[in-house]
Amino acid sequence: MKTIKFSIKTIRGTFRTFDYFANSQLPLVNHILYKSKILGANQHYRVVRMSSFLSALDNFLMNNNSSEFALPVSTIINELEDFENDDPEVLIITDYDSDI
């Protein structure tokens, strides 16, 4: 009997902040993304490697250990950690004055 064996690897993905956070939380999330050097000032999107993204968030949380930052950072990490081994490119999209 012949069989085909294969594995699935995630190559690219999208993380839209406004899908996971309320509009009122976006300023804090955007601040975290800016301070962790994931996004530049008023930059709405960027493609990064998953390992770089998660590493930057971990470093940010180690340097800014407060409950205010812990919840949003852990929300992002929990959503994305399943894909960490594949190390895909992630398109991060955020909005500063969201009407979505």
N, C-alpha and C. Protein backbone atom coordinates (compact mmCIF):
# COMPACT_ATOMS: atom_id res chain seq x y z
N MET A 1 0.84 -1.17 0.00
CA MET A 1 0.00 0.00 0.00
C MET A 1 0.89 1.24 0.00
N LYS A 2 0.61 2.17 -0.86
CA LYS A 2 1.37 3.41 -0.94
C LYS A 2 0.72 4.48 -0.07
N THR A 3 1.56 5.25 0.59
CA THR A 3 1.06 6.35 1.41
C THR A 3 1.86 7.61 1.09
N ILE A 4 1.22 8.70 1.32
CA ILE A 4 1.87 10.00 1.15
C ILE A 4 1.96 10.63 2.53
N LYS A 5 3.16 11.03 2.91
CA LYS A 5 3.36 11.69 4.19
C LYS A 5 3.72 13.14 3.93
N PHE A 6 3.14 14.02 4.70
CA PHE A 6 3.43 15.44 4.55
C PHE A 6 3.22 16.15 5.88
N SER A 7 3.74 17.32 5.97
CA SER A 7 3.50 18.16 7.14
C SER A 7 3.10 19.55 6.65
N ILE A 8 2.38 20.23 7.45
CA ILE A 8 1.90 21.57 7.10
C ILE A 8 2.69 22.59 7.90
N LYS A 9 3.15 23.60 7.22
CA LYS A 9 3.90 24.67 7.88
C LYS A 9 3.27 26.00 7.50
N THR A 10 3.08 26.85 8.49
CA THR A 10 2.56 28.18 8.23
C THR A 10 3.70 29.05 7.72
N ILE A 11 3.46 29.70 6.58
CA ILE A 11 4.50 30.52 5.96
C ILE A 11 4.25 32.00 6.21
N ARG A 12 2.99 32.40 6.16
CA ARG A 12 2.63 33.81 6.37
C ARG A 12 1.32 33.89 7.14
N GLY A 13 1.17 34.96 7.87
CA GLY A 13 -0.06 35.18 8.60
C GLY A 13 -0.28 36.67 8.83
N THR A 14 -1.45 36.99 9.35
CA THR A 14 -1.81 38.37 9.64
C THR A 14 -2.29 38.48 11.07
N PHE A 15 -1.84 39.50 11.76
CA PHE A 15 -2.33 39.81 13.09
C PHE A 15 -2.87 41.23 13.07
N ARG A 16 -4.21 41.34 13.12
CA ARG A 16 -4.86 42.64 13.11
C ARG A 16 -5.26 42.97 14.55
N THR A 17 -4.66 44.00 15.11
CA THR A 17 -4.87 44.33 16.52
C THR A 17 -6.34 44.58 16.83
N PHE A 18 -7.06 45.18 15.90
CA PHE A 18 -8.46 45.52 16.15
C PHE A 18 -9.38 44.30 16.13
N ASP A 19 -8.86 43.12 15.75
CA ASP A 19 -9.64 41.89 15.87
C ASP A 19 -9.55 41.30 17.28
N TYR A 20 -8.57 41.70 18.06
CA TYR A 20 -8.34 41.13 19.38
C TYR A 20 -8.55 42.12 20.53
N PHE A 21 -8.56 43.40 20.20
CA PHE A 21 -8.67 44.41 21.24
C PHE A 21 -9.77 45.40 20.90
N ALA A 22 -10.42 45.92 21.95
CA ALA A 22 -11.44 46.95 21.77
C ALA A 22 -10.77 48.26 21.35
N ASN A 23 -11.55 49.12 20.71
CA ASN A 23 -11.02 50.42 20.27
C ASN A 23 -10.38 51.19 21.42
N SER A 24 -10.94 51.07 22.61
CA SER A 24 -10.39 51.78 23.76
C SER A 24 -9.03 51.23 24.19
N GLN A 25 -8.72 49.98 23.83
CA GLN A 25 -7.44 49.37 24.19
C GLN A 25 -6.35 49.62 23.15
N LEU A 26 -6.72 50.02 21.95
CA LEU A 26 -5.74 50.18 20.88
C LEU A 26 -4.63 51.18 21.18
N PRO A 27 -4.91 52.32 21.82
CA PRO A 27 -3.79 53.22 22.14
C PRO A 27 -2.71 52.55 23.00
N LEU A 28 -3.10 51.74 23.97
CA LEU A 28 -2.13 51.04 24.81
C LEU A 28 -1.38 49.98 23.99
N VAL A 29 -2.09 49.23 23.17
CA VAL A 29 -1.47 48.20 22.33
C VAL A 29 -0.50 48.86 21.35
N ASN A 30 -0.90 49.97 20.74
CA ASN A 30 -0.01 50.68 19.81
C ASN A 30 1.22 51.21 20.52
N HIS A 31 1.05 51.67 21.75
CA HIS A 31 2.18 52.13 22.55
C HIS A 31 3.16 50.98 22.79
N ILE A 32 2.64 49.81 23.10
CA ILE A 32 3.48 48.64 23.33
C ILE A 32 4.23 48.27 22.05
N LEU A 33 3.53 48.26 20.92
CA LEU A 33 4.17 47.92 19.64
C LEU A 33 5.23 48.94 19.27
N TYR A 34 4.99 50.20 19.59
CA TYR A 34 5.98 51.25 19.30
C TYR A 34 7.19 51.12 20.23
N LYS A 35 6.95 51.00 21.52
CA LYS A 35 8.04 50.94 22.49
C LYS A 35 8.88 49.67 22.33
N SER A 36 8.29 48.61 21.82
CA SER A 36 9.05 47.38 21.60
C SER A 36 9.71 47.37 20.22
N LYS A 37 9.59 48.49 19.51
CA LYS A 37 10.21 48.70 18.19
C LYS A 37 9.69 47.72 17.14
N ILE A 38 8.45 47.28 17.30
CA ILE A 38 7.81 46.45 16.29
C ILE A 38 7.23 47.34 15.21
N LEU A 39 6.62 48.44 15.61
CA LEU A 39 6.09 49.43 14.67
C LEU A 39 6.72 50.78 14.96
N GLY A 40 6.86 51.58 13.93
CA GLY A 40 7.36 52.94 14.11
C GLY A 40 6.21 53.87 14.49
N ALA A 41 6.53 55.13 14.75
CA ALA A 41 5.52 56.12 15.11
C ALA A 41 4.50 56.26 13.98
N ASN A 42 3.24 56.11 14.32
CA ASN A 42 2.13 56.19 13.37
C ASN A 42 2.25 55.23 12.20
N GLN A 43 3.00 54.17 12.35
CA GLN A 43 3.10 53.14 11.32
C GLN A 43 1.94 52.17 11.54
N HIS A 44 1.17 51.92 10.50
CA HIS A 44 -0.05 51.11 10.61
C HIS A 44 0.18 49.63 10.33
N TYR A 45 1.27 49.28 9.68
CA TYR A 45 1.51 47.88 9.37
C TYR A 45 3.00 47.62 9.16
N ARG A 46 3.34 46.34 9.29
CA ARG A 46 4.72 45.93 9.06
C ARG A 46 4.77 44.41 9.00
N VAL A 47 5.65 43.87 8.19
CA VAL A 47 5.87 42.43 8.11
C VAL A 47 7.13 42.11 8.91
N VAL A 48 7.00 41.18 9.86
CA VAL A 48 8.13 40.74 10.68
C VAL A 48 8.07 39.22 10.82
N ARG A 49 9.18 38.65 11.19
CA ARG A 49 9.22 37.22 11.50
C ARG A 49 8.59 37.00 12.88
N MET A 50 7.90 35.90 13.02
CA MET A 50 7.22 35.58 14.28
C MET A 50 8.21 35.57 15.44
N SER A 51 9.39 34.99 15.23
CA SER A 51 10.37 34.91 16.32
C SER A 51 10.80 36.31 16.76
N SER A 52 10.97 37.24 15.82
CA SER A 52 11.34 38.62 16.17
C SER A 52 10.21 39.32 16.91
N PHE A 53 8.99 39.09 16.46
CA PHE A 53 7.81 39.70 17.07
C PHE A 53 7.67 39.24 18.52
N LEU A 54 7.69 37.93 18.74
CA LEU A 54 7.52 37.41 20.10
C LEU A 54 8.70 37.77 21.00
N SER A 55 9.89 37.78 20.44
CA SER A 55 11.08 38.16 21.21
C SER A 55 11.00 39.62 21.65
N ALA A 56 10.57 40.49 20.75
CA ALA A 56 10.43 41.91 21.08
C ALA A 56 9.39 42.11 22.18
N LEU A 57 8.30 41.37 22.11
CA LEU A 57 7.27 41.48 23.16
C LEU A 57 7.78 40.96 24.50
N ASP A 58 8.51 39.85 24.48
CA ASP A 58 9.10 39.32 25.72
C ASP A 58 10.06 40.32 26.34
N ASN A 59 10.92 40.91 25.52
CA ASN A 59 11.87 41.90 26.02
C ASN A 59 11.16 43.12 26.58
N PHE A 60 10.12 43.57 25.89
CA PHE A 60 9.35 44.71 26.37
C PHE A 60 8.76 44.41 27.75
N LEU A 61 8.19 43.23 27.90
CA LEU A 61 7.56 42.87 29.16
C LEU A 61 8.57 42.72 30.29
N MET A 62 9.77 42.24 29.98
CA MET A 62 10.81 42.14 31.01
C MET A 62 11.25 43.52 31.48
N ASN A 63 11.30 44.49 30.57
CA ASN A 63 11.75 45.84 30.92
C ASN A 63 10.63 46.72 31.46
N ASN A 64 9.38 46.34 31.23
CA ASN A 64 8.22 47.13 31.65
C ASN A 64 7.22 46.22 32.34
N ASN A 65 7.63 45.69 33.45
CA ASN A 65 6.83 44.70 34.15
C ASN A 65 5.73 45.38 34.97
N SER A 66 4.57 45.55 34.36
CA SER A 66 3.42 46.09 35.08
C SER A 66 2.17 45.39 34.60
N SER A 67 1.16 45.38 35.43
CA SER A 67 -0.09 44.70 35.07
C SER A 67 -0.77 45.38 33.89
N GLU A 68 -0.54 46.68 33.72
CA GLU A 68 -1.13 47.41 32.60
C GLU A 68 -0.66 46.84 31.26
N PHE A 69 0.61 46.47 31.17
CA PHE A 69 1.16 45.94 29.93
C PHE A 69 1.04 44.42 29.83
N ALA A 70 0.97 43.74 30.95
CA ALA A 70 0.99 42.28 30.95
C ALA A 70 -0.20 41.68 30.22
N LEU A 71 -1.39 42.20 30.40
CA LEU A 71 -2.57 41.61 29.78
C LEU A 71 -2.55 41.72 28.25
N PRO A 72 -2.31 42.91 27.68
CA PRO A 72 -2.27 42.97 26.21
C PRO A 72 -1.13 42.14 25.61
N VAL A 73 0.03 42.17 26.23
CA VAL A 73 1.17 41.41 25.70
C VAL A 73 0.88 39.91 25.78
N SER A 74 0.34 39.46 26.90
CA SER A 74 0.04 38.02 27.03
C SER A 74 -1.08 37.61 26.08
N THR A 75 -2.02 38.49 25.78
CA THR A 75 -3.07 38.19 24.79
C THR A 75 -2.46 37.95 23.42
N ILE A 76 -1.54 38.81 23.02
CA ILE A 76 -0.88 38.66 21.72
C ILE A 76 -0.06 37.37 21.69
N ILE A 77 0.74 37.15 22.72
CA ILE A 77 1.59 35.96 22.77
C ILE A 77 0.75 34.69 22.76
N ASN A 78 -0.32 34.66 23.52
CA ASN A 78 -1.18 33.47 23.56
C ASN A 78 -1.80 33.17 22.21
N GLU A 79 -2.16 34.19 21.47
CA GLU A 79 -2.74 33.99 20.14
C GLU A 79 -1.73 33.45 19.14
N LEU A 80 -0.48 33.85 19.27
CA LEU A 80 0.51 33.56 18.24
C LEU A 80 1.50 32.44 18.58
N GLU A 81 1.57 32.02 19.82
CA GLU A 81 2.61 31.08 20.21
C GLU A 81 2.49 29.71 19.54
N ASP A 82 1.30 29.34 19.07
CA ASP A 82 1.15 28.06 18.37
C ASP A 82 1.92 28.04 17.05
N PHE A 83 2.20 29.20 16.51
CA PHE A 83 2.89 29.30 15.22
C PHE A 83 4.39 29.57 15.38
N GLU A 84 4.86 29.65 16.60
CA GLU A 84 6.24 30.04 16.86
C GLU A 84 7.25 29.09 16.20
N ASN A 85 6.99 27.81 16.22
CA ASN A 85 7.93 26.84 15.64
C ASN A 85 8.06 26.97 14.13
N ASP A 86 6.99 27.40 13.46
CA ASP A 86 7.04 27.59 12.00
C ASP A 86 7.79 28.86 11.63
N ASP A 87 7.86 29.82 12.53
CA ASP A 87 8.50 31.12 12.32
C ASP A 87 8.06 31.78 11.00
N PRO A 88 6.73 31.95 10.83
CA PRO A 88 6.25 32.58 9.60
C PRO A 88 6.48 34.09 9.62
N GLU A 89 6.28 34.69 8.46
CA GLU A 89 6.23 36.15 8.39
C GLU A 89 4.83 36.56 8.86
N VAL A 90 4.79 37.61 9.65
CA VAL A 90 3.51 38.09 10.18
C VAL A 90 3.31 39.52 9.73
N LEU A 91 2.17 39.77 9.11
CA LEU A 91 1.78 41.13 8.77
C LEU A 91 1.00 41.67 9.96
N ILE A 92 1.58 42.63 10.66
CA ILE A 92 0.93 43.25 11.81
C ILE A 92 0.23 44.50 11.31
N ILE A 93 -1.07 44.58 11.61
CA ILE A 93 -1.87 45.73 11.17
C ILE A 93 -2.55 46.32 12.40
N THR A 94 -2.46 47.63 12.53
CA THR A 94 -3.14 48.31 13.62
C THR A 94 -3.80 49.57 13.07
N ASP A 95 -4.56 50.21 13.92
CA ASP A 95 -5.24 51.44 13.50
C ASP A 95 -5.15 52.42 14.68
N TYR A 96 -4.95 53.67 14.36
CA TYR A 96 -4.82 54.68 15.41
C TYR A 96 -6.13 55.40 15.68
N ASP A 97 -6.90 55.65 14.67
CA ASP A 97 -8.23 56.25 14.84
C ASP A 97 -9.23 55.32 14.16
N SER A 98 -9.50 54.22 14.82
CA SER A 98 -10.26 53.15 14.19
C SER A 98 -11.73 53.50 14.04
N ASP A 99 -12.26 53.22 12.86
CA ASP A 99 -13.69 53.27 12.62
C ASP A 99 -14.16 51.94 12.05
N ILE A 100 -13.33 50.92 12.27
CA ILE A 100 -13.64 49.58 11.74
C ILE A 100 -14.58 48.87 12.69
